[in-house]
Amino acid sequence: MIRKAFTLRLKPGALQEYIDRHEAIWPEMVAEIEKSGIKVMTAFHHDGTIFYYSEVEDEGSWDRLWASPVHDRWAEHFKPLIAFKDDGTLDTGDLQEVWRLETGA
């Protein structure tokens, strides 16, 4: 299993709507996430930044999801909530894992 993480900036005041839309995730989006090989997806929030953690089957899992028509519609649905850089690209970034501990607990 491969662990992936990235950040995503929200527009000011968009957090609750972002949460509400995820709580009402479309069944076809869930199916596309699973089909893409994403096993676990968790989002955390701090100060306007969403931190995503996922466990994926292979390095191409996220690329497959982002290339799907279902994700295109989902992204359009969230566009009013998400921050963009001055050049029009998403205000997002990959996170590099630097430490992990698994115990028998």
PDB file of N, CA and C in Angstrom:
ATOM      1  N   MET A   1       0.841  -1.173   0.000  1.00  0.00           N
ATOM      2  CA  MET A   1       0.000   0.000   0.000  1.00  0.00           C
ATOM      3  C   MET A   1       0.890   1.241   0.000  1.00  0.00           C
ATOM      4  N   ILE A   2       0.538   2.215  -0.815  1.00  0.00           N
ATOM      5  CA  ILE A   2       1.279   3.469  -0.925  1.00  0.00           C
ATOM      6  C   ILE A   2       0.492   4.558  -0.201  1.00  0.00           C
ATOM      7  N   ARG A   3       1.173   5.354   0.605  1.00  0.00           N
ATOM      8  CA  ARG A   3       0.548   6.473   1.300  1.00  0.00           C
ATOM      9  C   ARG A   3       0.847   7.750   0.528  1.00  0.00           C
ATOM     10  N   LYS A   4      -0.173   8.563   0.322  1.00  0.00           N
ATOM     11  CA  LYS A   4      -0.034   9.840  -0.370  1.00  0.00           C
ATOM     12  C   LYS A   4      -0.674  10.921   0.477  1.00  0.00           C
ATOM     13  N   ALA A   5      -0.142  12.123   0.391  1.00  0.00           N
ATOM     14  CA  ALA A   5      -0.728  13.252   1.105  1.00  0.00           C
ATOM     15  C   ALA A   5      -0.511  14.527   0.304  1.00  0.00           C
ATOM     16  N   PHE A   6      -1.476  15.444   0.416  1.00  0.00           N
ATOM     17  CA  PHE A   6      -1.340  16.735  -0.246  1.00  0.00           C
ATOM     18  C   PHE A   6      -2.192  17.763   0.492  1.00  0.00           C
ATOM     19  N   THR A   7      -1.957  19.018   0.176  1.00  0.00           N
ATOM     20  CA  THR A   7      -2.724  20.111   0.772  1.00  0.00           C
ATOM     21  C   THR A   7      -3.576  20.784  -0.290  1.00  0.00           C
ATOM     22  N   LEU A   8      -4.607  21.454   0.183  1.00  0.00           N
ATOM     23  CA  LEU A   8      -5.519  22.189  -0.675  1.00  0.00           C
ATOM     24  C   LEU A   8      -6.011  23.390   0.122  1.00  0.00           C
ATOM     25  N   ARG A   9      -5.905  24.587  -0.436  1.00  0.00           N
ATOM     26  CA  ARG A   9      -6.358  25.795   0.270  1.00  0.00           C
ATOM     27  C   ARG A   9      -7.813  26.086  -0.072  1.00  0.00           C
ATOM     28  N   LEU A  10      -8.557  26.489   0.942  1.00  0.00           N
ATOM     29  CA  LEU A  10      -9.946  26.896   0.759  1.00  0.00           C
ATOM     30  C   LEU A  10     -10.041  28.417   0.741  1.00  0.00           C
ATOM     31  N   LYS A  11     -11.104  28.904   0.130  1.00  0.00           N
ATOM     32  CA  LYS A  11     -11.402  30.326   0.211  1.00  0.00           C
ATOM     33  C   LYS A  11     -11.867  30.624   1.639  1.00  0.00           C
ATOM     34  N   PRO A  12     -11.653  31.840   2.122  1.00  0.00           N
ATOM     35  CA  PRO A  12     -12.108  32.191   3.468  1.00  0.00           C
ATOM     36  C   PRO A  12     -13.606  31.936   3.633  1.00  0.00           C
ATOM     37  N   GLY A  13     -13.967  31.322   4.750  1.00  0.00           N
ATOM     38  CA  GLY A  13     -15.357  31.065   5.074  1.00  0.00           C
ATOM     39  C   GLY A  13     -15.978  29.859   4.375  1.00  0.00           C
ATOM     40  N   ALA A  14     -15.189  29.083   3.621  1.00  0.00           N
ATOM     41  CA  ALA A  14     -15.733  27.981   2.822  1.00  0.00           C
ATOM     42  C   ALA A  14     -15.716  26.628   3.538  1.00  0.00           C
ATOM     43  N   LEU A  15     -15.142  26.552   4.722  1.00  0.00           N
ATOM     44  CA  LEU A  15     -14.935  25.253   5.368  1.00  0.00           C
ATOM     45  C   LEU A  15     -16.242  24.481   5.586  1.00  0.00           C
ATOM     46  N   GLN A  16     -17.249  25.098   6.175  1.00  0.00           N
ATOM     47  CA  GLN A  16     -18.469  24.348   6.490  1.00  0.00           C
ATOM     48  C   GLN A  16     -19.144  23.827   5.225  1.00  0.00           C
ATOM     49  N   GLU A  17     -19.188  24.621   4.182  1.00  0.00           N
ATOM     50  CA  GLU A  17     -19.783  24.156   2.925  1.00  0.00           C
ATOM     51  C   GLU A  17     -18.951  23.024   2.322  1.00  0.00           C
ATOM     52  N   TYR A  18     -17.637  23.113   2.448  1.00  0.00           N
ATOM     53  CA  TYR A  18     -16.740  22.053   1.971  1.00  0.00           C
ATOM     54  C   TYR A  18     -17.050  20.738   2.700  1.00  0.00           C
ATOM     55  N   ILE A  19     -17.217  20.829   4.013  1.00  0.00           N
ATOM     56  CA  ILE A  19     -17.566  19.645   4.817  1.00  0.00           C
ATOM     57  C   ILE A  19     -18.939  19.112   4.411  1.00  0.00           C
ATOM     58  N   ASP A  20     -19.915  19.997   4.307  1.00  0.00           N
ATOM     59  CA  ASP A  20     -21.284  19.579   3.968  1.00  0.00           C
ATOM     60  C   ASP A  20     -21.326  18.861   2.628  1.00  0.00           C
ATOM     61  N   ARG A  21     -20.606  19.364   1.641  1.00  0.00           N
ATOM     62  CA  ARG A  21     -20.611  18.724   0.321  1.00  0.00           C
ATOM     63  C   ARG A  21     -19.936  17.356   0.366  1.00  0.00           C
ATOM     64  N   HIS A  22     -18.906  17.217   1.182  1.00  0.00           N
ATOM     65  CA  HIS A  22     -18.262  15.903   1.305  1.00  0.00           C
ATOM     66  C   HIS A  22     -19.150  14.916   2.061  1.00  0.00           C
ATOM     67  N   GLU A  23     -19.896  15.394   3.028  1.00  0.00           N
ATOM     68  CA  GLU A  23     -20.812  14.503   3.754  1.00  0.00           C
ATOM     69  C   GLU A  23     -21.934  13.995   2.857  1.00  0.00           C
ATOM     70  N   ALA A  24     -22.182  14.703   1.755  1.00  0.00           N
ATOM     71  CA  ALA A  24     -23.198  14.293   0.778  1.00  0.00           C
ATOM     72  C   ALA A  24     -22.527  13.804  -0.513  1.00  0.00           C
ATOM     73  N   ILE A  25     -21.389  13.123  -0.365  1.00  0.00           N
ATOM     74  CA  ILE A  25     -20.626  12.675  -1.542  1.00  0.00           C
ATOM     75  C   ILE A  25     -21.501  11.827  -2.462  1.00  0.00           C
ATOM     76  N   TRP A  26     -21.359  12.046  -3.748  1.00  0.00           N
ATOM     77  CA  TRP A  26     -22.150  11.326  -4.737  1.00  0.00           C
ATOM     78  C   TRP A  26     -21.729   9.863  -4.777  1.00  0.00           C
ATOM     79  N   PRO A  27     -22.680   8.947  -4.870  1.00  0.00           N
ATOM     80  CA  PRO A  27     -22.326   7.521  -4.974  1.00  0.00           C
ATOM     81  C   PRO A  27     -21.413   7.227  -6.164  1.00  0.00           C
ATOM     82  N   GLU A  28     -21.615   7.928  -7.283  1.00  0.00           N
ATOM     83  CA  GLU A  28     -20.749   7.697  -8.445  1.00  0.00           C
ATOM     84  C   GLU A  28     -19.328   8.195  -8.202  1.00  0.00           C
ATOM     85  N   MET A  29     -19.161   9.179  -7.323  1.00  0.00           N
ATOM     86  CA  MET A  29     -17.818   9.643  -6.972  1.00  0.00           C
ATOM     87  C   MET A  29     -17.125   8.599  -6.100  1.00  0.00           C
ATOM     88  N   VAL A  30     -17.856   8.037  -5.138  1.00  0.00           N
ATOM     89  CA  VAL A  30     -17.295   6.975  -4.300  1.00  0.00           C
ATOM     90  C   VAL A  30     -16.866   5.800  -5.175  1.00  0.00           C
ATOM     91  N   ALA A  31     -17.708   5.425  -6.133  1.00  0.00           N
ATOM     92  CA  ALA A  31     -17.383   4.309  -7.038  1.00  0.00           C
ATOM     93  C   ALA A  31     -16.134   4.626  -7.855  1.00  0.00           C
ATOM     94  N   GLU A  32     -15.989   5.869  -8.308  1.00  0.00           N
ATOM     95  CA  GLU A  32     -14.822   6.258  -9.107  1.00  0.00           C
ATOM     96  C   GLU A  32     -13.552   6.261  -8.256  1.00  0.00           C
ATOM     97  N   ILE A  33     -13.663   6.700  -7.017  1.00  0.00           N
ATOM     98  CA  ILE A  33     -12.517   6.676  -6.096  1.00  0.00           C
ATOM     99  C   ILE A  33     -12.050   5.242  -5.908  1.00  0.00           C
ATOM    100  N   GLU A  34     -12.989   4.343  -5.654  1.00  0.00           N
ATOM    101  CA  GLU A  34     -12.650   2.929  -5.467  1.00  0.00           C
ATOM    102  C   GLU A  34     -12.056   2.337  -6.743  1.00  0.00           C
ATOM    103  N   LYS A  35     -12.678   2.618  -7.874  1.00  0.00           N
ATOM    104  CA  LYS A  35     -12.200   2.107  -9.164  1.00  0.00           C
ATOM    105  C   LYS A  35     -10.778   2.595  -9.471  1.00  0.00           C
ATOM    106  N   SER A  36     -10.448   3.802  -9.024  1.00  0.00           N
ATOM    107  CA  SER A  36      -9.127   4.375  -9.263  1.00  0.00           C
ATOM    108  C   SER A  36      -8.046   3.754  -8.392  1.00  0.00           C
ATOM    109  N   GLY A  37      -8.447   2.991  -7.370  1.00  0.00           N
ATOM    110  CA  GLY A  37      -7.475   2.334  -6.506  1.00  0.00           C
ATOM    111  C   GLY A  37      -7.161   3.088  -5.237  1.00  0.00           C
ATOM    112  N   ILE A  38      -8.018   4.025  -4.857  1.00  0.00           N
ATOM    113  CA  ILE A  38      -7.824   4.770  -3.614  1.00  0.00           C
ATOM    114  C   ILE A  38      -8.597   4.038  -2.527  1.00  0.00           C
ATOM    115  N   LYS A  39      -7.855   3.477  -1.566  1.00  0.00           N
ATOM    116  CA  LYS A  39      -8.447   2.636  -0.520  1.00  0.00           C
ATOM    117  C   LYS A  39      -8.940   3.449   0.671  1.00  0.00           C
ATOM    118  N   VAL A  40      -8.170   4.454   1.065  1.00  0.00           N
ATOM    119  CA  VAL A  40      -8.479   5.283   2.234  1.00  0.00           C
ATOM    120  C   VAL A  40      -8.267   6.730   1.834  1.00  0.00           C
ATOM    121  N   MET A  41      -9.199   7.586   2.235  1.00  0.00           N
ATOM    122  CA  MET A  41      -9.055   9.011   1.991  1.00  0.00           C
ATOM    123  C   MET A  41      -9.521   9.734   3.253  1.00  0.00           C
ATOM    124  N   THR A  42      -8.659  10.540   3.820  1.00  0.00           N
ATOM    125  CA  THR A  42      -8.971  11.288   5.032  1.00  0.00           C
ATOM    126  C   THR A  42      -8.568  12.737   4.827  1.00  0.00           C
ATOM    127  N   ALA A  43      -9.421  13.659   5.258  1.00  0.00           N
ATOM    128  CA  ALA A  43      -9.110  15.083   5.161  1.00  0.00           C
ATOM    129  C   ALA A  43      -9.074  15.687   6.557  1.00  0.00           C
ATOM    130  N   PHE A  44      -8.074  16.524   6.772  1.00  0.00           N
ATOM    131  CA  PHE A  44      -7.921  17.275   8.022  1.00  0.00           C
ATOM    132  C   PHE A  44      -7.903  18.759   7.665  1.00  0.00           C
ATOM    133  N   HIS A  45      -8.244  19.603   8.616  1.00  0.00           N
ATOM    134  CA  HIS A  45      -8.259  21.041   8.368  1.00  0.00           C
ATOM    135  C   HIS A  45      -7.415  21.787   9.399  1.00  0.00           C
ATOM    136  N   HIS A  46      -6.732  22.817   8.927  1.00  0.00           N
ATOM    137  CA  HIS A  46      -6.055  23.762   9.813  1.00  0.00           C
ATOM    138  C   HIS A  46      -5.924  25.097   9.092  1.00  0.00           C
ATOM    139  N   ASP A  47      -6.528  26.118   9.651  1.00  0.00           N
ATOM    140  CA  ASP A  47      -6.322  27.492   9.201  1.00  0.00           C
ATOM    141  C   ASP A  47      -6.506  27.674   7.686  1.00  0.00           C
ATOM    142  N   GLY A  48      -7.589  27.151   7.158  1.00  0.00           N
ATOM    143  CA  GLY A  48      -7.878  27.336   5.738  1.00  0.00           C
ATOM    144  C   GLY A  48      -7.227  26.340   4.798  1.00  0.00           C
ATOM    145  N   THR A  49      -6.446  25.437   5.355  1.00  0.00           N
ATOM    146  CA  THR A  49      -5.786  24.423   4.533  1.00  0.00           C
ATOM    147  C   THR A  49      -6.369  23.056   4.851  1.00  0.00           C
ATOM    148  N   ILE A  50      -6.723  22.327   3.800  1.00  0.00           N
ATOM    149  CA  ILE A  50      -7.161  20.942   3.924  1.00  0.00           C
ATOM    150  C   ILE A  50      -5.934  20.067   3.669  1.00  0.00           C
ATOM    151  N   PHE A  51      -5.702  19.125   4.556  1.00  0.00           N
ATOM    152  CA  PHE A  51      -4.613  18.165   4.419  1.00  0.00           C
ATOM    153  C   PHE A  51      -5.239  16.815   4.105  1.00  0.00           C
ATOM    154  N   TYR A  52      -4.942  16.279   2.945  1.00  0.00           N
ATOM    155  CA  TYR A  52      -5.483  14.974   2.549  1.00  0.00           C
ATOM    156  C   TYR A  52      -4.436  13.895   2.763  1.00  0.00           C
ATOM    157  N   TYR A  53      -4.877  12.789   3.341  1.00  0.00           N
ATOM    158  CA  TYR A  53      -4.062  11.588   3.486  1.00  0.00           C
ATOM    159  C   TYR A  53      -4.819  10.470   2.789  1.00  0.00           C
ATOM    160  N   SER A  54      -4.106   9.680   1.992  1.00  0.00           N
ATOM    161  CA  SER A  54      -4.758   8.558   1.329  1.00  0.00           C
ATOM    162  C   SER A  54      -3.829   7.358   1.271  1.00  0.00           C
ATOM    163  N   GLU A  55      -4.443   6.203   1.126  1.00  0.00           N
ATOM    164  CA  GLU A  55      -3.715   4.963   0.877  1.00  0.00           C
ATOM    165  C   GLU A  55      -4.206   4.458  -0.469  1.00  0.00           C
ATOM    166  N   VAL A  56      -3.257   4.232  -1.376  1.00  0.00           N
ATOM    167  CA  VAL A  56      -3.597   3.916  -2.761  1.00  0.00           C
ATOM    168  C   VAL A  56      -2.927   2.625  -3.205  1.00  0.00           C
ATOM    169  N   GLU A  57      -3.511   2.016  -4.242  1.00  0.00           N
ATOM    170  CA  GLU A  57      -2.964   0.772  -4.792  1.00  0.00           C
ATOM    171  C   GLU A  57      -1.628   0.989  -5.485  1.00  0.00           C
ATOM    172  N   ASP A  58      -1.533   2.082  -6.255  1.00  0.00           N
ATOM    173  CA  ASP A  58      -0.322   2.322  -7.048  1.00  0.00           C
ATOM    174  C   ASP A  58      -0.166   3.815  -7.298  1.00  0.00           C
ATOM    175  N   GLU A  59       0.970   4.195  -7.843  1.00  0.00           N
ATOM    176  CA  GLU A  59       1.288   5.610  -8.061  1.00  0.00           C
ATOM    177  C   GLU A  59       0.310   6.312  -8.994  1.00  0.00           C
ATOM    178  N   GLY A  60      -0.385   5.578  -9.848  1.00  0.00           N
ATOM    179  CA  GLY A  60      -1.306   6.186 -10.802  1.00  0.00           C
ATOM    180  C   GLY A  60      -2.720   6.372 -10.291  1.00  0.00           C
ATOM    181  N   SER A  61      -2.994   5.978  -9.064  1.00  0.00           N
ATOM    182  CA  SER A  61      -4.370   6.018  -8.552  1.00  0.00           C
ATOM    183  C   SER A  61      -4.981   7.417  -8.610  1.00  0.00           C
ATOM    184  N   TRP A  62      -4.285   8.405  -8.071  1.00  0.00           N
ATOM    185  CA  TRP A  62      -4.823   9.765  -8.076  1.00  0.00           C
ATOM    186  C   TRP A  62      -4.948  10.295  -9.490  1.00  0.00           C
ATOM    187  N   ASP A  63      -3.969  10.010 -10.356  1.00  0.00           N
ATOM    188  CA  ASP A  63      -4.041  10.466 -11.748  1.00  0.00           C
ATOM    189  C   ASP A  63      -5.279   9.915 -12.442  1.00  0.00           C
ATOM    190  N   ARG A  64      -5.593   8.642 -12.198  1.00  0.00           N
ATOM    191  CA  ARG A  64      -6.787   8.050 -12.805  1.00  0.00           C
ATOM    192  C   ARG A  64      -8.053   8.753 -12.324  1.00  0.00           C
ATOM    193  N   LEU A  65      -8.115   9.034 -11.015  1.00  0.00           N
ATOM    194  CA  LEU A  65      -9.290   9.724 -10.494  1.00  0.00           C
ATOM    195  C   LEU A  65      -9.422  11.103 -11.121  1.00  0.00           C
ATOM    196  N   TRP A  66      -8.334  11.876 -11.105  1.00  0.00           N
ATOM    197  CA  TRP A  66      -8.385  13.247 -11.612  1.00  0.00           C
ATOM    198  C   TRP A  66      -8.673  13.315 -13.105  1.00  0.00           C
ATOM    199  N   ALA A  67      -8.435  12.242 -13.837  1.00  0.00           N
ATOM    200  CA  ALA A  67      -8.694  12.213 -15.284  1.00  0.00           C
ATOM    201  C   ALA A  67     -10.111  11.753 -15.620  1.00  0.00           C
ATOM    202  N   SER A  68     -10.913  11.433 -14.636  1.00  0.00           N
ATOM    203  CA  SER A  68     -12.241  10.875 -14.892  1.00  0.00           C
ATOM    204  C   SER A  68     -13.296  11.975 -15.052  1.00  0.00           C
ATOM    205  N   PRO A  69     -14.314  11.725 -15.878  1.00  0.00           N
ATOM    206  CA  PRO A  69     -15.418  12.687 -16.030  1.00  0.00           C
ATOM    207  C   PRO A  69     -16.177  12.942 -14.724  1.00  0.00           C
ATOM    208  N   VAL A  70     -16.297  11.922 -13.877  1.00  0.00           N
ATOM    209  CA  VAL A  70     -16.987  12.102 -12.587  1.00  0.00           C
ATOM    210  C   VAL A  70     -16.217  13.103 -11.737  1.00  0.00           C
ATOM    211  N   HIS A  71     -14.895  12.974 -11.693  1.00  0.00           N
ATOM    212  CA  HIS A  71     -14.093  13.921 -10.914  1.00  0.00           C
ATOM    213  C   HIS A  71     -14.159  15.317 -11.514  1.00  0.00           C
ATOM    214  N   ASP A  72     -14.226  15.425 -12.831  1.00  0.00           N
ATOM    215  CA  ASP A  72     -14.357  16.744 -13.464  1.00  0.00           C
ATOM    216  C   ASP A  72     -15.618  17.455 -12.956  1.00  0.00           C
ATOM    217  N   ARG A  73     -16.734  16.723 -12.869  1.00  0.00           N
ATOM    218  CA  ARG A  73     -17.976  17.303 -12.368  1.00  0.00           C
ATOM    219  C   ARG A  73     -17.858  17.655 -10.883  1.00  0.00           C
ATOM    220  N   TRP A  74     -17.214  16.760 -10.117  1.00  0.00           N
ATOM    221  CA  TRP A  74     -17.003  16.995  -8.681  1.00  0.00           C
ATOM    222  C   TRP A  74     -16.146  18.256  -8.472  1.00  0.00           C
ATOM    223  N   ALA A  75     -15.086  18.386  -9.244  1.00  0.00           N
ATOM    224  CA  ALA A  75     -14.206  19.553  -9.130  1.00  0.00           C
ATOM    225  C   ALA A  75     -14.960  20.843  -9.461  1.00  0.00           C
ATOM    226  N   GLU A  76     -15.800  20.794 -10.474  1.00  0.00           N
ATOM    227  CA  GLU A  76     -16.596  21.964 -10.842  1.00  0.00           C
ATOM    228  C   GLU A  76     -17.558  22.342  -9.706  1.00  0.00           C
ATOM    229  N   HIS A  77     -18.112  21.333  -9.037  1.00  0.00           N
ATOM    230  CA  HIS A  77     -19.014  21.516  -7.902  1.00  0.00           C
ATOM    231  C   HIS A  77     -18.311  22.232  -6.743  1.00  0.00           C
ATOM    232  N   PHE A  78     -17.002  22.010  -6.602  1.00  0.00           N
ATOM    233  CA  PHE A  78     -16.228  22.577  -5.495  1.00  0.00           C
ATOM    234  C   PHE A  78     -15.476  23.849  -5.866  1.00  0.00           C
ATOM    235  N   LYS A  79     -15.466  24.208  -7.121  1.00  0.00           N
ATOM    236  CA  LYS A  79     -14.694  25.360  -7.584  1.00  0.00           C
ATOM    237  C   LYS A  79     -14.963  26.642  -6.786  1.00  0.00           C
ATOM    238  N   PRO A  80     -16.217  26.935  -6.409  1.00  0.00           N
ATOM    239  CA  PRO A  80     -16.464  28.171  -5.648  1.00  0.00           C
ATOM    240  C   PRO A  80     -15.849  28.176  -4.243  1.00  0.00           C
ATOM    241  N   LEU A  81     -15.432  27.025  -3.746  1.00  0.00           N
ATOM    242  CA  LEU A  81     -14.926  26.920  -2.371  1.00  0.00           C
ATOM    243  C   LEU A  81     -13.407  26.882  -2.278  1.00  0.00           C
ATOM    244  N   ILE A  82     -12.749  26.601  -3.379  1.00  0.00           N
ATOM    245  CA  ILE A  82     -11.315  26.308  -3.377  1.00  0.00           C
ATOM    246  C   ILE A  82     -10.511  27.508  -3.866  1.00  0.00           C
ATOM    247  N   ALA A  83      -9.377  27.753  -3.215  1.00  0.00           N
ATOM    248  CA  ALA A  83      -8.497  28.856  -3.582  1.00  0.00           C
ATOM    249  C   ALA A  83      -7.645  28.485  -4.798  1.00  0.00           C
ATOM    250  N   PHE A  84      -7.418  29.477  -5.632  1.00  0.00           N
ATOM    251  CA  PHE A  84      -6.557  29.323  -6.797  1.00  0.00           C
ATOM    252  C   PHE A  84      -5.414  30.325  -6.708  1.00  0.00           C
ATOM    253  N   LYS A  85      -4.282  29.967  -7.300  1.00  0.00           N
ATOM    254  CA  LYS A  85      -3.139  30.880  -7.366  1.00  0.00           C
ATOM    255  C   LYS A  85      -3.418  31.940  -8.419  1.00  0.00           C
ATOM    256  N   ASP A  86      -2.578  32.967  -8.451  1.00  0.00           N
ATOM    257  CA  ASP A  86      -2.743  34.048  -9.418  1.00  0.00           C
ATOM    258  C   ASP A  86      -2.705  33.558 -10.861  1.00  0.00           C
ATOM    259  N   ASP A  87      -1.999  32.448 -11.114  1.00  0.00           N
ATOM    260  CA  ASP A  87      -1.906  31.916 -12.480  1.00  0.00           C
ATOM    261  C   ASP A  87      -3.092  31.025 -12.852  1.00  0.00           C
ATOM    262  N   GLY A  88      -4.081  30.891 -11.942  1.00  0.00           N
ATOM    263  CA  GLY A  88      -5.280  30.117 -12.230  1.00  0.00           C
ATOM    264  C   GLY A  88      -5.197  28.646 -11.852  1.00  0.00           C
ATOM    265  N   THR A  89      -4.054  28.195 -11.340  1.00  0.00           N
ATOM    266  CA  THR A  89      -3.926  26.798 -10.915  1.00  0.00           C
ATOM    267  C   THR A  89      -4.374  26.659  -9.461  1.00  0.00           C
ATOM    268  N   LEU A  90      -4.731  25.433  -9.093  1.00  0.00           N
ATOM    269  CA  LEU A  90      -5.144  25.169  -7.709  1.00  0.00           C
ATOM    270  C   LEU A  90      -4.039  25.519  -6.732  1.00  0.00           C
ATOM    271  N   ASP A  91      -4.419  26.058  -5.594  1.00  0.00           N
ATOM    272  CA  ASP A  91      -3.461  26.324  -4.521  1.00  0.00           C
ATOM    273  C   ASP A  91      -3.327  25.027  -3.722  1.00  0.00           C
ATOM    274  N   THR A  92      -2.496  24.137  -4.226  1.00  0.00           N
ATOM    275  CA  THR A  92      -2.336  22.800  -3.671  1.00  0.00           C
ATOM    276  C   THR A  92      -0.865  22.425  -3.683  1.00  0.00           C
ATOM    277  N   GLY A  93      -0.516  21.383  -2.950  1.00  0.00           N
ATOM    278  CA  GLY A  93       0.867  20.910  -2.961  1.00  0.00           C
ATOM    279  C   GLY A  93       0.970  19.516  -2.390  1.00  0.00           C
ATOM    280  N   ASP A  94       1.914  18.760  -2.917  1.00  0.00           N
ATOM    281  CA  ASP A  94       2.172  17.418  -2.403  1.00  0.00           C
ATOM    282  C   ASP A  94       2.919  17.500  -1.085  1.00  0.00           C
ATOM    283  N   LEU A  95       2.661  16.541  -0.229  1.00  0.00           N
ATOM    284  CA  LEU A  95       3.388  16.432   1.035  1.00  0.00           C
ATOM    285  C   LEU A  95       4.291  15.207   0.970  1.00  0.00           C
ATOM    286  N   GLN A  96       5.484  15.345   1.501  1.00  0.00           N
ATOM    287  CA  GLN A  96       6.439  14.245   1.529  1.00  0.00           C
ATOM    288  C   GLN A  96       6.420  13.608   2.909  1.00  0.00           C
ATOM    289  N   GLU A  97       6.246  12.301   2.935  1.00  0.00           N
ATOM    290  CA  GLU A  97       6.290  11.596   4.218  1.00  0.00           C
ATOM    291  C   GLU A  97       7.723  11.607   4.729  1.00  0.00           C
ATOM    292  N   VAL A  98       7.892  12.015   5.985  1.00  0.00           N
ATOM    293  CA  VAL A  98       9.231  12.081   6.560  1.00  0.00           C
ATOM    294  C   VAL A  98       9.418  11.162   7.764  1.00  0.00           C
ATOM    295  N   TRP A  99       8.321  10.620   8.304  1.00  0.00           N
ATOM    296  CA  TRP A  99       8.434   9.725   9.441  1.00  0.00           C
ATOM    297  C   TRP A  99       7.148   8.970   9.623  1.00  0.00           C
ATOM    298  N   ARG A 100       7.252   7.713  10.037  1.00  0.00           N
ATOM    299  CA  ARG A 100       6.078   6.885  10.300  1.00  0.00           C
ATOM    300  C   ARG A 100       6.447   5.862  11.366  1.00  0.00           C
ATOM    301  N   LEU A 101       5.510   5.568  12.244  1.00  0.00           N
ATOM    302  CA  LEU A 101       5.699   4.539  13.263  1.00  0.00           C
ATOM    303  C   LEU A 101       4.443   3.689  13.303  1.00  0.00           C
ATOM    304  N   GLU A 102       4.604   2.407  13.207  1.00  0.00           N
ATOM    305  CA  GLU A 102       3.500   1.475  13.401  1.00  0.00           C
ATOM    306  C   GLU A 102       3.848   0.620  14.607  1.00  0.00           C
ATOM    307  N   THR A 103       2.889   0.464  15.512  1.00  0.00           N
ATOM    308  CA  THR A 103       3.098  -0.353  16.700  1.00  0.00           C
ATOM    309  C   THR A 103       2.143  -1.532  16.672  1.00  0.00           C
ATOM    310  N   GLY A 104       2.278  -2.398  17.598  1.00  0.00           N
ATOM    311  CA  GLY A 104       1.385  -3.549  17.698  1.00  0.00           C
ATOM    312  C   GLY A 104       0.133  -3.279  18.501  1.00  0.00           C
ATOM    313  N   ALA A 105      -0.065  -2.003  18.898  1.00  0.00           N
ATOM    314  CA  ALA A 105      -1.238  -1.635  19.722  1.00  0.00           C
ATOM    315  C   ALA A 105      -2.540  -1.868  19.001  1.00  0.00           C
TER     316      ALA A 105
END
